[in-house]
Amino acid sequence: MNDTNTKKQITDELKKFKTSYKDLQEKARVIFPDMNAKERQWFESFLYNLNVEFDNFADNLNEILDSIKEEDKKLPNVFKTLNSRQYKILTYLKKYPNIVRREYCTMFNISAMTAFRDLKDLEQKGLIFGMGAGKGRKFGLKD
């Protein structure tokens, strides 16, 4: 996921919403010309408060996105290179003591060679360890 593109997409959507709000404000004046002063005041107040809340939401969202980006910088580089299967298997290995390649293939509906590469990569990165050899080789989570 590209953080810059994601933030830009969200910001663009927020701008569209803001534009929609301004359009609504202008259209309301035309659509409801018979509003009395009290109704118009209430409606203007409602739209103003909606705008303030929207701005607060946009500010909070940007703070959250920036915080996520900062947290991502703190994540060790080794985890940034893992694929989704590898993340899932690390989570699995927190619950269960070990797994064999055949089970890994079945879990993710992948070939034996793909499983071999995934598990070998995790082992080389020092995240899991292997026990035994051949098809029955078991893999466990390193402490």
N, C-alpha and C. Protein backbone atom coordinates (compact mmCIF):
# COMPACT_ATOMS: atom_id res chain seq x y z
N MET A 1 0.85 -1.17 0.00
CA MET A 1 0.00 0.00 0.00
C MET A 1 0.89 1.23 0.00
N ASN A 2 0.65 2.16 -0.92
CA ASN A 2 1.41 3.38 -1.00
C ASN A 2 0.74 4.42 -0.12
N ASP A 3 1.42 4.82 0.98
CA ASP A 3 0.84 5.74 1.95
C ASP A 3 0.50 7.09 1.33
N THR A 4 1.36 7.58 0.45
CA THR A 4 1.14 8.90 -0.16
C THR A 4 -0.11 8.88 -1.02
N ASN A 5 -0.25 7.82 -1.84
CA ASN A 5 -1.45 7.71 -2.69
C ASN A 5 -2.71 7.55 -1.87
N THR A 6 -2.64 6.76 -0.81
CA THR A 6 -3.81 6.54 0.05
C THR A 6 -4.24 7.85 0.69
N LYS A 7 -3.28 8.59 1.23
CA LYS A 7 -3.61 9.86 1.88
C LYS A 7 -4.19 10.83 0.86
N LYS A 8 -3.63 10.85 -0.37
CA LYS A 8 -4.13 11.75 -1.42
C LYS A 8 -5.56 11.37 -1.80
N GLN A 9 -5.84 10.08 -1.93
CA GLN A 9 -7.20 9.63 -2.27
C GLN A 9 -8.19 10.05 -1.20
N ILE A 10 -7.82 9.88 0.06
CA ILE A 10 -8.72 10.26 1.16
C ILE A 10 -8.92 11.77 1.17
N THR A 11 -7.84 12.51 1.00
CA THR A 11 -7.94 13.97 0.97
C THR A 11 -8.82 14.43 -0.18
N ASP A 12 -8.67 13.80 -1.36
CA ASP A 12 -9.53 14.15 -2.51
C ASP A 12 -11.00 13.89 -2.21
N GLU A 13 -11.29 12.76 -1.55
CA GLU A 13 -12.67 12.44 -1.20
C GLU A 13 -13.22 13.46 -0.19
N LEU A 14 -12.38 13.87 0.75
CA LEU A 14 -12.81 14.86 1.73
C LEU A 14 -13.11 16.20 1.04
N LYS A 15 -12.29 16.56 0.06
CA LYS A 15 -12.53 17.80 -0.68
C LYS A 15 -13.85 17.73 -1.44
N LYS A 16 -14.14 16.57 -2.03
CA LYS A 16 -15.41 16.39 -2.74
C LYS A 16 -16.58 16.59 -1.77
N PHE A 17 -16.45 16.02 -0.59
CA PHE A 17 -17.51 16.16 0.40
C PHE A 17 -17.68 17.61 0.79
N LYS A 18 -16.57 18.29 0.99
CA LYS A 18 -16.61 19.71 1.37
C LYS A 18 -17.30 20.51 0.27
N THR A 19 -16.99 20.22 -0.98
CA THR A 19 -17.63 20.90 -2.11
C THR A 19 -19.11 20.60 -2.12
N SER A 20 -19.47 19.36 -1.85
CA SER A 20 -20.88 18.97 -1.81
C SER A 20 -21.61 19.76 -0.72
N TYR A 21 -20.96 19.95 0.39
CA TYR A 21 -21.55 20.72 1.50
C TYR A 21 -21.83 22.15 1.05
N LYS A 22 -20.85 22.77 0.40
CA LYS A 22 -21.03 24.16 -0.06
C LYS A 22 -22.14 24.25 -1.10
N ASP A 23 -22.19 23.26 -1.99
CA ASP A 23 -23.27 23.22 -2.98
C ASP A 23 -24.62 23.10 -2.28
N LEU A 24 -24.70 22.26 -1.29
CA LEU A 24 -25.94 22.06 -0.54
C LEU A 24 -26.39 23.36 0.12
N GLN A 25 -25.45 24.06 0.67
CA GLN A 25 -25.76 25.33 1.33
C GLN A 25 -26.36 26.32 0.33
N GLU A 26 -25.77 26.41 -0.86
CA GLU A 26 -26.28 27.33 -1.88
C GLU A 26 -27.63 26.86 -2.42
N LYS A 27 -27.74 25.55 -2.67
CA LYS A 27 -29.00 25.02 -3.22
C LYS A 27 -30.14 25.16 -2.22
N ALA A 28 -29.84 25.03 -0.94
CA ALA A 28 -30.89 25.14 0.08
C ALA A 28 -31.52 26.52 0.06
N ARG A 29 -30.72 27.52 -0.20
CA ARG A 29 -31.26 28.88 -0.26
C ARG A 29 -32.24 29.02 -1.42
N VAL A 30 -31.97 28.31 -2.52
CA VAL A 30 -32.84 28.38 -3.69
C VAL A 30 -34.06 27.47 -3.52
N ILE A 31 -33.82 26.25 -3.00
CA ILE A 31 -34.89 25.26 -2.88
C ILE A 31 -35.92 25.66 -1.82
N PHE A 32 -35.45 26.27 -0.75
CA PHE A 32 -36.35 26.64 0.36
C PHE A 32 -36.46 28.16 0.51
N PRO A 33 -36.99 28.82 -0.52
CA PRO A 33 -37.06 30.29 -0.42
C PRO A 33 -38.12 30.76 0.59
N ASP A 34 -39.06 29.87 0.95
CA ASP A 34 -40.14 30.26 1.85
C ASP A 34 -39.80 30.08 3.33
N MET A 35 -38.57 29.75 3.62
CA MET A 35 -38.20 29.57 5.03
C MET A 35 -38.33 30.91 5.75
N ASN A 36 -38.89 30.82 6.94
CA ASN A 36 -38.93 32.06 7.73
C ASN A 36 -37.55 32.27 8.36
N ALA A 37 -37.37 33.40 8.98
CA ALA A 37 -36.06 33.77 9.53
C ALA A 37 -35.55 32.76 10.55
N LYS A 38 -36.45 32.26 11.40
CA LYS A 38 -36.04 31.31 12.43
C LYS A 38 -35.60 29.98 11.79
N GLU A 39 -36.36 29.49 10.80
CA GLU A 39 -36.00 28.24 10.11
C GLU A 39 -34.68 28.41 9.36
N ARG A 40 -34.50 29.54 8.67
CA ARG A 40 -33.26 29.80 7.94
C ARG A 40 -32.07 29.85 8.91
N GLN A 41 -32.28 30.50 10.05
CA GLN A 41 -31.22 30.59 11.05
C GLN A 41 -30.85 29.20 11.56
N TRP A 42 -31.88 28.38 11.84
CA TRP A 42 -31.62 27.01 12.30
C TRP A 42 -30.85 26.24 11.23
N PHE A 43 -31.29 26.34 9.99
CA PHE A 43 -30.67 25.60 8.90
C PHE A 43 -29.22 26.05 8.69
N GLU A 44 -28.98 27.35 8.70
CA GLU A 44 -27.62 27.87 8.54
C GLU A 44 -26.74 27.41 9.70
N SER A 45 -27.30 27.41 10.90
CA SER A 45 -26.57 26.96 12.07
C SER A 45 -26.23 25.47 11.94
N PHE A 46 -27.19 24.69 11.48
CA PHE A 46 -26.98 23.26 11.27
C PHE A 46 -25.85 23.03 10.27
N LEU A 47 -25.90 23.73 9.14
CA LEU A 47 -24.86 23.56 8.12
C LEU A 47 -23.50 24.03 8.64
N TYR A 48 -23.49 25.11 9.40
CA TYR A 48 -22.23 25.60 9.98
C TYR A 48 -21.64 24.55 10.92
N ASN A 49 -22.46 24.01 11.80
CA ASN A 49 -21.99 22.98 12.74
C ASN A 49 -21.55 21.72 12.01
N LEU A 50 -22.26 21.37 10.97
CA LEU A 50 -21.87 20.22 10.16
C LEU A 50 -20.50 20.47 9.55
N ASN A 51 -20.27 21.66 9.07
CA ASN A 51 -18.99 22.02 8.48
C ASN A 51 -17.87 21.96 9.52
N VAL A 52 -18.13 22.47 10.72
CA VAL A 52 -17.13 22.43 11.79
C VAL A 52 -16.79 20.98 12.14
N GLU A 53 -17.82 20.16 12.28
CA GLU A 53 -17.59 18.74 12.60
C GLU A 53 -16.82 18.05 11.48
N PHE A 54 -17.15 18.39 10.26
CA PHE A 54 -16.45 17.81 9.11
C PHE A 54 -14.97 18.19 9.16
N ASP A 55 -14.69 19.47 9.43
CA ASP A 55 -13.29 19.91 9.51
C ASP A 55 -12.55 19.18 10.63
N ASN A 56 -13.21 19.00 11.79
CA ASN A 56 -12.60 18.26 12.90
C ASN A 56 -12.32 16.81 12.49
N PHE A 57 -13.28 16.22 11.80
CA PHE A 57 -13.11 14.84 11.32
C PHE A 57 -11.92 14.75 10.37
N ALA A 58 -11.82 15.69 9.43
CA ALA A 58 -10.73 15.68 8.46
C ALA A 58 -9.39 15.84 9.17
N ASP A 59 -9.33 16.74 10.15
CA ASP A 59 -8.08 16.93 10.91
C ASP A 59 -7.70 15.66 11.66
N ASN A 60 -8.68 15.04 12.33
CA ASN A 60 -8.42 13.80 13.07
C ASN A 60 -7.97 12.68 12.14
N LEU A 61 -8.60 12.60 10.98
CA LEU A 61 -8.24 11.56 10.02
C LEU A 61 -6.81 11.75 9.55
N ASN A 62 -6.43 12.98 9.26
CA ASN A 62 -5.05 13.24 8.83
C ASN A 62 -4.06 12.91 9.94
N GLU A 63 -4.40 13.20 11.20
CA GLU A 63 -3.53 12.85 12.32
C GLU A 63 -3.37 11.33 12.41
N ILE A 64 -4.48 10.61 12.22
CA ILE A 64 -4.43 9.14 12.27
C ILE A 64 -3.56 8.60 11.15
N LEU A 65 -3.73 9.13 9.94
CA LEU A 65 -2.92 8.66 8.81
C LEU A 65 -1.44 8.94 9.04
N ASP A 66 -1.13 10.11 9.58
CA ASP A 66 0.27 10.44 9.88
C ASP A 66 0.83 9.51 10.95
N SER A 67 0.01 9.19 11.96
CA SER A 67 0.45 8.31 13.03
C SER A 67 0.70 6.89 12.50
N ILE A 68 -0.16 6.43 11.59
CA ILE A 68 0.04 5.10 10.99
C ILE A 68 1.35 5.09 10.21
N LYS A 69 1.60 6.16 9.49
CA LYS A 69 2.84 6.26 8.72
C LYS A 69 4.06 6.22 9.64
N GLU A 70 3.98 6.91 10.79
CA GLU A 70 5.07 6.90 11.76
C GLU A 70 5.27 5.50 12.35
N GLU A 71 4.17 4.82 12.67
CA GLU A 71 4.26 3.46 13.22
C GLU A 71 4.89 2.52 12.20
N ASP A 72 4.55 2.72 10.93
CA ASP A 72 5.10 1.87 9.87
C ASP A 72 6.61 2.06 9.78
N LYS A 73 7.10 3.27 10.04
CA LYS A 73 8.54 3.52 10.01
C LYS A 73 9.25 2.75 11.12
N LYS A 74 8.55 2.53 12.25
CA LYS A 74 9.13 1.84 13.39
C LYS A 74 9.17 0.32 13.19
N LEU A 75 8.35 -0.18 12.27
CA LEU A 75 8.28 -1.61 12.01
C LEU A 75 9.61 -2.10 11.44
N PRO A 76 10.18 -3.15 12.00
CA PRO A 76 11.45 -3.65 11.46
C PRO A 76 11.33 -3.96 9.97
N ASN A 77 12.39 -3.67 9.24
CA ASN A 77 12.37 -3.87 7.78
C ASN A 77 12.05 -5.29 7.38
N VAL A 78 12.42 -6.26 8.22
CA VAL A 78 12.17 -7.65 7.89
C VAL A 78 10.68 -7.92 7.71
N PHE A 79 9.82 -7.26 8.49
CA PHE A 79 8.38 -7.49 8.38
C PHE A 79 7.78 -6.81 7.16
N LYS A 80 8.42 -5.77 6.68
CA LYS A 80 7.90 -5.04 5.52
C LYS A 80 8.00 -5.86 4.23
N THR A 81 8.85 -6.88 4.24
CA THR A 81 9.06 -7.66 3.03
C THR A 81 8.23 -8.95 3.00
N LEU A 82 7.46 -9.21 4.03
CA LEU A 82 6.67 -10.45 4.09
C LEU A 82 5.41 -10.34 3.25
N ASN A 83 4.99 -11.46 2.68
CA ASN A 83 3.71 -11.48 1.98
C ASN A 83 2.60 -11.84 2.97
N SER A 84 1.36 -11.76 2.52
CA SER A 84 0.23 -11.97 3.44
C SER A 84 0.21 -13.39 4.02
N ARG A 85 0.62 -14.38 3.24
CA ARG A 85 0.65 -15.76 3.75
C ARG A 85 1.65 -15.86 4.90
N GLN A 86 2.78 -15.20 4.74
CA GLN A 86 3.81 -15.27 5.77
C GLN A 86 3.35 -14.60 7.06
N TYR A 87 2.66 -13.47 6.95
CA TYR A 87 2.10 -12.84 8.15
C TYR A 87 1.13 -13.78 8.84
N LYS A 88 0.27 -14.40 8.04
CA LYS A 88 -0.75 -15.29 8.60
C LYS A 88 -0.14 -16.51 9.27
N ILE A 89 0.92 -17.04 8.67
CA ILE A 89 1.52 -18.24 9.26
C ILE A 89 2.24 -17.89 10.57
N LEU A 90 2.80 -16.70 10.65
CA LEU A 90 3.43 -16.28 11.92
C LEU A 90 2.38 -16.17 13.02
N THR A 91 1.21 -15.66 12.67
CA THR A 91 0.10 -15.58 13.62
C THR A 91 -0.35 -16.99 14.03
N TYR A 92 -0.44 -17.88 13.05
CA TYR A 92 -0.83 -19.27 13.30
C TYR A 92 0.16 -19.93 14.26
N LEU A 93 1.45 -19.67 14.02
CA LEU A 93 2.48 -20.31 14.85
C LEU A 93 2.52 -19.77 16.27
N LYS A 94 1.87 -18.65 16.51
CA LYS A 94 1.76 -18.15 17.89
C LYS A 94 0.79 -19.01 18.69
N LYS A 95 -0.19 -19.61 17.98
CA LYS A 95 -1.20 -20.45 18.63
C LYS A 95 -0.80 -21.93 18.65
N TYR A 96 -0.19 -22.37 17.56
CA TYR A 96 0.14 -23.80 17.42
C TYR A 96 1.66 -23.94 17.34
N PRO A 97 2.21 -25.00 17.92
CA PRO A 97 3.67 -25.11 18.05
C PRO A 97 4.44 -25.25 16.74
N ASN A 98 3.84 -25.92 15.74
CA ASN A 98 4.59 -26.10 14.49
C ASN A 98 3.65 -26.40 13.32
N ILE A 99 4.25 -26.43 12.14
CA ILE A 99 3.50 -26.73 10.91
C ILE A 99 4.44 -27.41 9.93
N VAL A 100 3.90 -28.30 9.13
CA VAL A 100 4.69 -28.91 8.06
C VAL A 100 4.28 -28.26 6.73
N ARG A 101 5.15 -28.39 5.74
CA ARG A 101 4.91 -27.73 4.45
C ARG A 101 3.58 -28.14 3.83
N ARG A 102 3.20 -29.40 3.95
CA ARG A 102 1.95 -29.89 3.37
C ARG A 102 0.75 -29.13 3.95
N GLU A 103 0.77 -28.90 5.27
CA GLU A 103 -0.31 -28.14 5.91
C GLU A 103 -0.33 -26.70 5.40
N TYR A 104 0.86 -26.13 5.23
CA TYR A 104 0.97 -24.76 4.71
C TYR A 104 0.37 -24.67 3.31
N CYS A 105 0.67 -25.66 2.48
CA CYS A 105 0.11 -25.71 1.11
C CYS A 105 -1.41 -25.75 1.16
N THR A 106 -1.96 -26.58 2.01
CA THR A 106 -3.40 -26.75 2.13
C THR A 106 -4.06 -25.48 2.66
N MET A 107 -3.46 -24.88 3.67
CA MET A 107 -4.02 -23.66 4.27
C MET A 107 -4.21 -22.55 3.25
N PHE A 108 -3.23 -22.39 2.36
CA PHE A 108 -3.24 -21.26 1.45
C PHE A 108 -3.48 -21.65 -0.01
N ASN A 109 -3.74 -22.94 -0.23
CA ASN A 109 -4.01 -23.44 -1.58
C ASN A 109 -2.89 -23.03 -2.54
N ILE A 110 -1.67 -23.39 -2.17
CA ILE A 110 -0.50 -23.04 -2.97
C ILE A 110 0.29 -24.30 -3.28
N SER A 111 1.23 -24.19 -4.21
CA SER A 111 2.06 -25.33 -4.58
C SER A 111 3.11 -25.60 -3.51
N ALA A 112 3.68 -26.79 -3.57
CA ALA A 112 4.73 -27.16 -2.61
C ALA A 112 5.95 -26.25 -2.78
N MET A 113 6.24 -25.87 -4.00
CA MET A 113 7.40 -25.01 -4.25
C MET A 113 7.19 -23.61 -3.67
N THR A 114 5.98 -23.07 -3.80
CA THR A 114 5.69 -21.76 -3.21
C THR A 114 5.80 -21.83 -1.70
N ALA A 115 5.27 -22.90 -1.11
CA ALA A 115 5.37 -23.09 0.34
C ALA A 115 6.83 -23.18 0.76
N PHE A 116 7.61 -23.93 -0.01
CA PHE A 116 9.04 -24.09 0.27
C PHE A 116 9.72 -22.72 0.30
N ARG A 117 9.44 -21.90 -0.74
CA ARG A 117 10.07 -20.57 -0.81
C ARG A 117 9.63 -19.67 0.35
N ASP A 118 8.34 -19.68 0.65
CA ASP A 118 7.83 -18.85 1.75
C ASP A 118 8.48 -19.24 3.08
N LEU A 119 8.48 -20.53 3.37
CA LEU A 119 9.01 -21.00 4.64
C LEU A 119 10.53 -20.82 4.72
N LYS A 120 11.21 -21.06 3.61
CA LYS A 120 12.66 -20.86 3.57
C LYS A 120 12.99 -19.38 3.82
N ASP A 121 12.20 -18.48 3.22
CA ASP A 121 12.41 -17.05 3.41
C ASP A 121 12.24 -16.66 4.89
N LEU A 122 11.18 -17.18 5.51
CA LEU A 122 10.95 -16.90 6.93
C LEU A 122 12.09 -17.44 7.79
N GLU A 123 12.57 -18.60 7.41
CA GLU A 123 13.67 -19.21 8.17
C GLU A 123 14.96 -18.40 8.00
N GLN A 124 15.23 -17.94 6.79
CA GLN A 124 16.43 -17.13 6.53
C GLN A 124 16.37 -15.78 7.24
N LYS A 125 15.18 -15.26 7.43
CA LYS A 125 15.01 -13.99 8.12
C LYS A 125 15.04 -14.16 9.63
N GLY A 126 15.13 -15.41 10.08
CA GLY A 126 15.25 -15.68 11.50
C GLY A 126 13.94 -15.61 12.27
N LEU A 127 12.83 -15.72 11.57
CA LEU A 127 11.52 -15.64 12.23
C LEU A 127 10.99 -17.01 12.64
N ILE A 128 11.38 -18.05 11.90
CA ILE A 128 10.98 -19.42 12.23
C ILE A 128 12.21 -20.31 12.18
N PHE A 129 12.06 -21.50 12.72
CA PHE A 129 13.15 -22.47 12.64
C PHE A 129 12.59 -23.78 12.11
N GLY A 130 13.44 -24.56 11.46
CA GLY A 130 13.04 -25.85 10.93
C GLY A 130 13.59 -26.98 11.77
N MET A 131 12.78 -28.07 11.85
CA MET A 131 13.20 -29.27 12.58
C MET A 131 13.03 -30.45 11.64
N GLY A 132 14.07 -31.23 11.49
CA GLY A 132 13.98 -32.39 10.63
C GLY A 132 14.38 -32.04 9.20
N ALA A 133 14.06 -33.01 8.29
CA ALA A 133 14.44 -32.82 6.89
C ALA A 133 13.37 -33.42 5.98
N GLY A 134 13.41 -33.04 4.74
CA GLY A 134 12.51 -33.60 3.75
C GLY A 134 11.07 -33.12 3.89
N LYS A 135 10.14 -33.97 3.41
CA LYS A 135 8.72 -33.60 3.40
C LYS A 135 8.14 -33.44 4.80
N GLY A 136 8.68 -34.14 5.76
CA GLY A 136 8.16 -34.08 7.12
C GLY A 136 8.76 -32.97 7.97
N ARG A 137 9.58 -32.13 7.36
CA ARG A 137 10.23 -31.04 8.11
C ARG A 137 9.18 -30.14 8.76
N LYS A 138 9.35 -29.90 10.05
CA LYS A 138 8.42 -29.05 10.79
C LYS A 138 9.04 -27.69 10.99
N PHE A 139 8.17 -26.68 11.04
CA PHE A 139 8.62 -25.31 11.26
C PHE A 139 7.92 -24.75 12.47
N GLY A 140 8.68 -24.03 13.30
CA GLY A 140 8.14 -23.43 14.51
C GLY A 140 8.56 -21.97 14.61
N LEU A 141 7.92 -21.25 15.45
CA LEU A 141 8.20 -19.83 15.66
C LEU A 141 9.41 -19.67 16.56
N LYS A 142 10.36 -18.83 16.13
CA LYS A 142 11.53 -18.56 16.97
C LYS A 142 11.11 -17.63 18.09
N ASP A 143 11.75 -17.80 19.24
CA ASP A 143 11.45 -16.94 20.40
C ASP A 143 12.02 -15.57 20.25
